[in-house]
């Protein structure tokens, strides 16, 4: 019989801190790039897309969490 695999601590599997910190860093980068004037003009689309991806990830997480709390069949568990 194979040995039992230990469970990963919940603090390491919680996506909320990653989403919050990542979105905050993209927001700071976007503010810096827009405040920098024309020097950083080529980086503006990258920062805006970083914000968009963070928003998309947060939205997907919230939809999955809502489904898991309602008990939907296809929702992830442990959110």
PDB file of N, CA and C in Angstrom:
ATOM      1  N   UNK A   1       0.844  -1.172   0.000  1.00  0.00           N
ATOM      2  CA  UNK A   1       0.000   0.000   0.000  1.00  0.00           C
ATOM      3  C   UNK A   1       0.894   1.242   0.000  1.00  0.00           C
ATOM      4  N   UNK A   2       0.669   2.188  -0.941  1.00  0.00           N
ATOM      5  CA  UNK A   2       1.516   3.387  -1.003  1.00  0.00           C
ATOM      6  C   UNK A   2       1.253   4.308   0.188  1.00  0.00           C
ATOM      7  N   UNK A   3       2.283   5.043   0.611  1.00  0.00           N
ATOM      8  CA  UNK A   3       2.090   5.952   1.744  1.00  0.00           C
ATOM      9  C   UNK A   3       1.133   7.087   1.372  1.00  0.00           C
ATOM     10  N   UNK A   4       0.470   7.638   2.380  1.00  0.00           N
ATOM     11  CA  UNK A   4      -0.467   8.741   2.160  1.00  0.00           C
ATOM     12  C   UNK A   4       0.299  10.019   1.839  1.00  0.00           C
ATOM     13  N   UNK A   5      -0.229  10.749   0.891  1.00  0.00           N
ATOM     14  CA  UNK A   5       0.371  12.026   0.515  1.00  0.00           C
ATOM     15  C   UNK A   5      -0.161  13.095   1.473  1.00  0.00           C
ATOM     16  N   UNK A   6       0.730  13.880   2.091  1.00  0.00           N
ATOM     17  CA  UNK A   6       0.246  14.910   3.025  1.00  0.00           C
ATOM     18  C   UNK A   6      -0.541  16.000   2.289  1.00  0.00           C
ATOM     19  N   UNK A   7      -1.503  16.566   2.961  1.00  0.00           N
ATOM     20  CA  UNK A   7      -2.313  17.642   2.403  1.00  0.00           C
ATOM     21  C   UNK A   7      -1.505  18.944   2.363  1.00  0.00           C
ATOM     22  N   UNK A   8      -1.744  19.722   1.332  1.00  0.00           N
ATOM     23  CA  UNK A   8      -1.103  21.031   1.219  1.00  0.00           C
ATOM     24  C   UNK A   8      -1.834  21.991   2.165  1.00  0.00           C
ATOM     25  N   UNK A   9      -1.106  22.813   2.927  1.00  0.00           N
ATOM     26  CA  UNK A   9      -1.764  23.746   3.840  1.00  0.00           C
ATOM     27  C   UNK A   9      -2.682  24.705   3.080  1.00  0.00           C
ATOM     28  N   UNK A  10      -3.837  25.031   3.656  1.00  0.00           N
ATOM     29  CA  UNK A  10      -4.791  25.915   2.973  1.00  0.00           C
ATOM     30  C   UNK A  10      -4.208  27.278   2.599  1.00  0.00           C
ATOM     31  N   UNK A  11      -3.280  27.785   3.366  1.00  0.00           N
ATOM     32  CA  UNK A  11      -2.717  29.108   3.058  1.00  0.00           C
ATOM     33  C   UNK A  11      -1.906  29.085   1.758  1.00  0.00           C
ATOM     34  N   UNK A  12      -1.437  27.904   1.347  1.00  0.00           N
ATOM     35  CA  UNK A  12      -0.685  27.784   0.104  1.00  0.00           C
ATOM     36  C   UNK A  12      -1.570  27.522  -1.102  1.00  0.00           C
ATOM     37  N   UNK A  13      -2.815  27.147  -0.890  1.00  0.00           N
ATOM     38  CA  UNK A  13      -3.727  26.872  -1.994  1.00  0.00           C
ATOM     39  C   UNK A  13      -4.773  27.952  -2.188  1.00  0.00           C
ATOM     40  N   UNK A  14      -4.765  28.979  -1.355  1.00  0.00           N
ATOM     41  CA  UNK A  14      -5.750  30.056  -1.444  1.00  0.00           C
ATOM     42  C   UNK A  14      -5.342  31.024  -2.556  1.00  0.00           C
ATOM     43  N   UNK A  15      -6.161  31.187  -3.606  1.00  0.00           N
ATOM     44  CA  UNK A  15      -5.784  32.065  -4.716  1.00  0.00           C
ATOM     45  C   UNK A  15      -6.024  33.557  -4.443  1.00  0.00           C
ATOM     46  N   UNK A  16      -6.737  33.887  -3.388  1.00  0.00           N
ATOM     47  CA  UNK A  16      -7.061  35.294  -3.144  1.00  0.00           C
ATOM     48  C   UNK A  16      -5.842  36.193  -2.958  1.00  0.00           C
ATOM     49  N   UNK A  17      -4.833  35.815  -2.168  1.00  0.00           N
ATOM     50  CA  UNK A  17      -3.668  36.699  -2.045  1.00  0.00           C
ATOM     51  C   UNK A  17      -2.927  36.895  -3.367  1.00  0.00           C
ATOM     52  N   UNK A  18      -2.836  35.853  -4.163  1.00  0.00           N
ATOM     53  CA  UNK A  18      -2.149  35.952  -5.451  1.00  0.00           C
ATOM     54  C   UNK A  18      -2.900  36.909  -6.376  1.00  0.00           C
ATOM     55  N   UNK A  19      -4.220  36.776  -6.431  1.00  0.00           N
ATOM     56  CA  UNK A  19      -5.027  37.671  -7.264  1.00  0.00           C
ATOM     57  C   UNK A  19      -4.917  39.118  -6.792  1.00  0.00           C
ATOM     58  N   UNK A  20      -4.963  39.334  -5.482  1.00  0.00           N
ATOM     59  CA  UNK A  20      -4.907  40.692  -4.944  1.00  0.00           C
ATOM     60  C   UNK A  20      -3.541  41.338  -5.195  1.00  0.00           C
ATOM     61  N   UNK A  21      -2.474  40.620  -4.889  1.00  0.00           N
ATOM     62  CA  UNK A  21      -1.127  41.179  -5.053  1.00  0.00           C
ATOM     63  C   UNK A  21      -0.808  41.389  -6.534  1.00  0.00           C
ATOM     64  N   UNK A  22      -1.145  40.415  -7.368  1.00  0.00           N
ATOM     65  CA  UNK A  22      -0.876  40.556  -8.800  1.00  0.00           C
ATOM     66  C   UNK A  22      -1.624  41.728  -9.414  1.00  0.00           C
ATOM     67  N   UNK A  23      -2.897  41.869  -9.071  1.00  0.00           N
ATOM     68  CA  UNK A  23      -3.681  42.987  -9.598  1.00  0.00           C
ATOM     69  C   UNK A  23      -3.159  44.324  -9.089  1.00  0.00           C
ATOM     70  N   UNK A  24      -2.773  44.360  -7.819  1.00  0.00           N
ATOM     71  CA  UNK A  24      -2.232  45.602  -7.250  1.00  0.00           C
ATOM     72  C   UNK A  24      -0.918  45.996  -7.934  1.00  0.00           C
ATOM     73  N   UNK A  25      -0.065  45.020  -8.214  1.00  0.00           N
ATOM     74  CA  UNK A  25       1.196  45.318  -8.889  1.00  0.00           C
ATOM     75  C   UNK A  25       0.965  45.817 -10.318  1.00  0.00           C
ATOM     76  N   UNK A  26       0.009  45.221 -11.040  1.00  0.00           N
ATOM     77  CA  UNK A  26      -0.306  45.706 -12.385  1.00  0.00           C
ATOM     78  C   UNK A  26      -0.890  47.112 -12.330  1.00  0.00           C
ATOM     79  N   UNK A  27      -1.699  47.389 -11.313  1.00  0.00           N
ATOM     80  CA  UNK A  27      -2.262  48.728 -11.166  1.00  0.00           C
ATOM     81  C   UNK A  27      -1.159  49.759 -10.911  1.00  0.00           C
ATOM     82  N   UNK A  28      -0.222  49.423 -10.044  1.00  0.00           N
ATOM     83  CA  UNK A  28       0.902  50.324  -9.764  1.00  0.00           C
ATOM     84  C   UNK A  28       1.736  50.535 -11.021  1.00  0.00           C
ATOM     85  N   UNK A  29       2.014  49.456 -11.746  1.00  0.00           N
ATOM     86  CA  UNK A  29       2.797  49.574 -12.982  1.00  0.00           C
ATOM     87  C   UNK A  29       2.077  50.449 -14.000  1.00  0.00           C
ATOM     88  N   UNK A  30       0.762  50.292 -14.101  1.00  0.00           N
ATOM     89  CA  UNK A  30      -0.007  51.103 -15.045  1.00  0.00           C
ATOM     90  C   UNK A  30       0.046  52.570 -14.667  1.00  0.00           C
ATOM     91  N   UNK A  31      -0.086  52.879 -13.393  1.00  0.00           N
ATOM     92  CA  UNK A  31      -0.020  54.275 -12.939  1.00  0.00           C
ATOM     93  C   UNK A  31       1.351  54.861 -13.233  1.00  0.00           C
ATOM     94  N   UNK A  32       2.399  54.103 -12.950  1.00  0.00           N
ATOM     95  CA  UNK A  32       3.766  54.583 -13.209  1.00  0.00           C
ATOM     96  C   UNK A  32       3.986  54.819 -14.699  1.00  0.00           C
ATOM     97  N   UNK A  33       3.507  53.914 -15.539  1.00  0.00           N
ATOM     98  CA  UNK A  33       3.707  54.032 -16.979  1.00  0.00           C
ATOM     99  C   UNK A  33       2.947  55.243 -17.535  1.00  0.00           C
ATOM    100  N   UNK A  34       1.717  55.442 -17.073  1.00  0.00           N
ATOM    101  CA  UNK A  34       0.965  56.596 -17.554  1.00  0.00           C
ATOM    102  C   UNK A  34       1.532  57.907 -17.012  1.00  0.00           C
ATOM    103  N   UNK A  35       2.094  57.897 -15.817  1.00  0.00           N
ATOM    104  CA  UNK A  35       2.696  59.102 -15.249  1.00  0.00           C
ATOM    105  C   UNK A  35       4.052  59.407 -15.887  1.00  0.00           C
ATOM    106  N   UNK A  36       4.680  58.410 -16.490  1.00  0.00           N
ATOM    107  CA  UNK A  36       5.996  58.587 -17.084  1.00  0.00           C
ATOM    108  C   UNK A  36       5.997  59.329 -18.407  1.00  0.00           C
ATOM    109  N   UNK A  37       4.833  59.594 -18.951  1.00  0.00           N
ATOM    110  CA  UNK A  37       4.759  60.341 -20.205  1.00  0.00           C
ATOM    111  C   UNK A  37       5.055  59.471 -21.411  1.00  0.00           C
ATOM    112  N   UNK A  38       5.600  60.098 -22.448  1.00  0.00           N
ATOM    113  CA  UNK A  38       5.839  59.406 -23.715  1.00  0.00           C
ATOM    114  C   UNK A  38       6.979  58.399 -23.656  1.00  0.00           C
ATOM    115  N   UNK A  39       7.798  58.491 -22.634  1.00  0.00           N
ATOM    116  CA  UNK A  39       8.941  57.587 -22.513  1.00  0.00           C
ATOM    117  C   UNK A  39       8.495  56.124 -22.414  1.00  0.00           C
ATOM    118  N   UNK A  40       7.374  55.858 -21.759  1.00  0.00           N
ATOM    119  CA  UNK A  40       6.886  54.501 -21.535  1.00  0.00           C
ATOM    120  C   UNK A  40       5.648  54.184 -22.370  1.00  0.00           C
ATOM    121  N   UNK A  41       5.459  54.902 -23.455  1.00  0.00           N
ATOM    122  CA  UNK A  41       4.251  54.730 -24.256  1.00  0.00           C
ATOM    123  C   UNK A  41       4.088  53.301 -24.786  1.00  0.00           C
ATOM    124  N   UNK A  42       5.170  52.641 -25.108  1.00  0.00           N
ATOM    125  CA  UNK A  42       5.077  51.279 -25.651  1.00  0.00           C
ATOM    126  C   UNK A  42       4.695  50.257 -24.579  1.00  0.00           C
ATOM    127  N   UNK A  43       4.843  50.594 -23.311  1.00  0.00           N
ATOM    128  CA  UNK A  43       4.512  49.660 -22.229  1.00  0.00           C
ATOM    129  C   UNK A  43       3.053  49.788 -21.782  1.00  0.00           C
ATOM    130  N   UNK A  44       2.352  50.796 -22.246  1.00  0.00           N
ATOM    131  CA  UNK A  44       0.962  51.004 -21.820  1.00  0.00           C
ATOM    132  C   UNK A  44       0.058  49.834 -22.178  1.00  0.00           C
ATOM    133  N   UNK A  45       0.096  49.327 -23.402  1.00  0.00           N
ATOM    134  CA  UNK A  45      -0.788  48.188 -23.711  1.00  0.00           C
ATOM    135  C   UNK A  45      -0.499  46.951 -22.853  1.00  0.00           C
ATOM    136  N   UNK A  46       0.770  46.744 -22.532  1.00  0.00           N
ATOM    137  CA  UNK A  46       1.134  45.594 -21.701  1.00  0.00           C
ATOM    138  C   UNK A  46       0.524  45.733 -20.310  1.00  0.00           C
ATOM    139  N   UNK A  47       0.617  46.920 -19.736  1.00  0.00           N
ATOM    140  CA  UNK A  47       0.054  47.150 -18.408  1.00  0.00           C
ATOM    141  C   UNK A  47      -1.465  47.044 -18.415  1.00  0.00           C
ATOM    142  N   UNK A  48      -2.092  47.565 -19.448  1.00  0.00           N
ATOM    143  CA  UNK A  48      -3.549  47.472 -19.531  1.00  0.00           C
ATOM    144  C   UNK A  48      -4.002  46.024 -19.698  1.00  0.00           C
ATOM    145  N   UNK A  49      -3.268  45.240 -20.469  1.00  0.00           N
ATOM    146  CA  UNK A  49      -3.615  43.830 -20.621  1.00  0.00           C
ATOM    147  C   UNK A  49      -3.356  43.052 -19.327  1.00  0.00           C
ATOM    148  N   UNK A  50      -2.332  43.452 -18.581  1.00  0.00           N
ATOM    149  CA  UNK A  50      -2.103  42.835 -17.267  1.00  0.00           C
ATOM    150  C   UNK A  50      -3.275  43.072 -16.339  1.00  0.00           C
ATOM    151  N   UNK A  51      -3.810  44.289 -16.361  1.00  0.00           N
ATOM    152  CA  UNK A  51      -5.005  44.585 -15.565  1.00  0.00           C
ATOM    153  C   UNK A  51      -6.203  43.768 -16.054  1.00  0.00           C
ATOM    154  N   UNK A  52      -6.347  43.650 -17.363  1.00  0.00           N
ATOM    155  CA  UNK A  52      -7.473  42.891 -17.922  1.00  0.00           C
ATOM    156  C   UNK A  52      -7.384  41.410 -17.550  1.00  0.00           C
ATOM    157  N   UNK A  53      -6.194  40.838 -17.618  1.00  0.00           N
ATOM    158  CA  UNK A  53      -6.026  39.427 -17.259  1.00  0.00           C
ATOM    159  C   UNK A  53      -6.298  39.226 -15.766  1.00  0.00           C
ATOM    160  N   UNK A  54      -5.858  40.169 -14.940  1.00  0.00           N
ATOM    161  CA  UNK A  54      -6.155  40.090 -13.505  1.00  0.00           C
ATOM    162  C   UNK A  54      -7.643  40.162 -13.230  1.00  0.00           C
ATOM    163  N   UNK A  55      -8.339  41.031 -13.950  1.00  0.00           N
ATOM    164  CA  UNK A  55      -9.785  41.145 -13.798  1.00  0.00           C
ATOM    165  C   UNK A  55     -10.473  39.859 -14.262  1.00  0.00           C
ATOM    166  N   UNK A  56     -10.008  39.303 -15.374  1.00  0.00           N
ATOM    167  CA  UNK A  56     -10.573  38.054 -15.872  1.00  0.00           C
ATOM    168  C   UNK A  56     -10.351  36.912 -14.870  1.00  0.00           C
ATOM    169  N   UNK A  57      -9.159  36.805 -14.341  1.00  0.00           N
ATOM    170  CA  UNK A  57      -8.865  35.757 -13.353  1.00  0.00           C
ATOM    171  C   UNK A  57      -9.702  35.900 -12.104  1.00  0.00           C
ATOM    172  N   UNK A  58      -9.863  37.132 -11.631  1.00  0.00           N
ATOM    173  CA  UNK A  58     -10.692  37.374 -10.452  1.00  0.00           C
ATOM    174  C   UNK A  58     -12.146  37.015 -10.727  1.00  0.00           C
ATOM    175  N   UNK A  59     -12.633  37.371 -11.910  1.00  0.00           N
ATOM    176  CA  UNK A  59     -14.015  37.053 -12.278  1.00  0.00           C
ATOM    177  C   UNK A  59     -14.240  35.550 -12.327  1.00  0.00           C
ATOM    178  N   UNK A  60     -13.328  34.821 -12.947  1.00  0.00           N
ATOM    179  CA  UNK A  60     -13.449  33.359 -13.016  1.00  0.00           C
ATOM    180  C   UNK A  60     -13.430  32.757 -11.621  1.00  0.00           C
ATOM    181  N   UNK A  61     -12.531  33.243 -10.766  1.00  0.00           N
ATOM    182  CA  UNK A  61     -12.462  32.742  -9.399  1.00  0.00           C
ATOM    183  C   UNK A  61     -13.774  32.981  -8.665  1.00  0.00           C
ATOM    184  N   UNK A  62     -14.338  34.189  -8.789  1.00  0.00           N
ATOM    185  CA  UNK A  62     -15.578  34.505  -8.076  1.00  0.00           C
ATOM    186  C   UNK A  62     -16.752  33.673  -8.589  1.00  0.00           C
ATOM    187  N   UNK A  63     -16.806  33.434  -9.897  1.00  0.00           N
ATOM    188  CA  UNK A  63     -17.876  32.601 -10.454  1.00  0.00           C
ATOM    189  C   UNK A  63     -17.747  31.166  -9.954  1.00  0.00           C
ATOM    190  N   UNK A  64     -16.526  30.631  -9.952  1.00  0.00           N
ATOM    191  CA  UNK A  64     -16.306  29.269  -9.467  1.00  0.00           C
ATOM    192  C   UNK A  64     -16.637  29.151  -7.978  1.00  0.00           C
ATOM    193  N   UNK A  65     -16.243  30.149  -7.196  1.00  0.00           N
ATOM    194  CA  UNK A  65     -16.518  30.114  -5.757  1.00  0.00           C
ATOM    195  C   UNK A  65     -18.014  30.168  -5.490  1.00  0.00           C
ATOM    196  N   UNK A  66     -18.722  31.020  -6.236  1.00  0.00           N
ATOM    197  CA  UNK A  66     -20.168  31.115  -6.071  1.00  0.00           C
ATOM    198  C   UNK A  66     -20.832  29.779  -6.418  1.00  0.00           C
ATOM    199  N   UNK A  67     -20.376  29.156  -7.508  1.00  0.00           N
ATOM    200  CA  UNK A  67     -20.920  27.852  -7.885  1.00  0.00           C
ATOM    201  C   UNK A  67     -20.628  26.782  -6.847  1.00  0.00           C
ATOM    202  N   UNK A  68     -19.437  26.802  -6.276  1.00  0.00           N
ATOM    203  CA  UNK A  68     -19.082  25.815  -5.260  1.00  0.00           C
ATOM    204  C   UNK A  68     -19.921  26.001  -4.008  1.00  0.00           C
ATOM    205  N   UNK A  69     -20.184  27.232  -3.635  1.00  0.00           N
ATOM    206  CA  UNK A  69     -21.005  27.494  -2.438  1.00  0.00           C
ATOM    207  C   UNK A  69     -22.459  27.112  -2.655  1.00  0.00           C
ATOM    208  N   UNK A  70     -22.940  27.241  -3.901  1.00  0.00           N
ATOM    209  CA  UNK A  70     -24.309  26.842  -4.201  1.00  0.00           C
ATOM    210  C   UNK A  70     -24.435  25.338  -4.368  1.00  0.00           C
ATOM    211  N   UNK A  71     -23.316  24.650  -4.575  1.00  0.00           N
ATOM    212  CA  UNK A  71     -23.341  23.216  -4.758  1.00  0.00           C
ATOM    213  C   UNK A  71     -23.545  22.789  -6.190  1.00  0.00           C
ATOM    214  N   UNK A  72     -23.188  23.658  -7.146  1.00  0.00           N
ATOM    215  CA  UNK A  72     -23.321  23.301  -8.561  1.00  0.00           C
ATOM    216  C   UNK A  72     -22.483  22.072  -8.870  1.00  0.00           C
ATOM    217  N   UNK A  73     -22.978  21.253  -9.779  1.00  0.00           N
ATOM    218  CA  UNK A  73     -22.327  19.979 -10.099  1.00  0.00           C
ATOM    219  C   UNK A  73     -20.939  20.169 -10.714  1.00  0.00           C
ATOM    220  N   UNK A  74     -20.772  21.142 -11.608  1.00  0.00           N
ATOM    221  CA  UNK A  74     -19.498  21.306 -12.305  1.00  0.00           C
ATOM    222  C   UNK A  74     -18.525  22.259 -11.635  1.00  0.00           C
ATOM    223  N   UNK A  75     -18.866  22.774 -10.468  1.00  0.00           N
ATOM    224  CA  UNK A  75     -18.004  23.758  -9.805  1.00  0.00           C
ATOM    225  C   UNK A  75     -16.830  23.081  -9.110  1.00  0.00           C
ATOM    226  N   UNK A  76     -15.747  23.815  -8.986  1.00  0.00           N
ATOM    227  CA  UNK A  76     -14.596  23.305  -8.253  1.00  0.00           C
ATOM    228  C   UNK A  76     -14.932  23.223  -6.772  1.00  0.00           C
ATOM    229  N   UNK A  77     -14.188  22.406  -6.062  1.00  0.00           N
ATOM    230  CA  UNK A  77     -14.402  22.288  -4.627  1.00  0.00           C
ATOM    231  C   UNK A  77     -13.238  22.932  -3.896  1.00  0.00           C
ATOM    232  N   UNK A  78     -13.486  23.338  -2.673  1.00  0.00           N
ATOM    233  CA  UNK A  78     -12.436  23.889  -1.833  1.00  0.00           C
ATOM    234  C   UNK A  78     -12.190  25.369  -2.029  1.00  0.00           C
ATOM    235  N   UNK A  79     -13.081  26.085  -2.678  1.00  0.00           N
ATOM    236  CA  UNK A  79     -12.904  27.519  -2.856  1.00  0.00           C
ATOM    237  C   UNK A  79     -13.584  28.189  -1.710  1.00  0.00           C
TER     238      UNK A  79
END
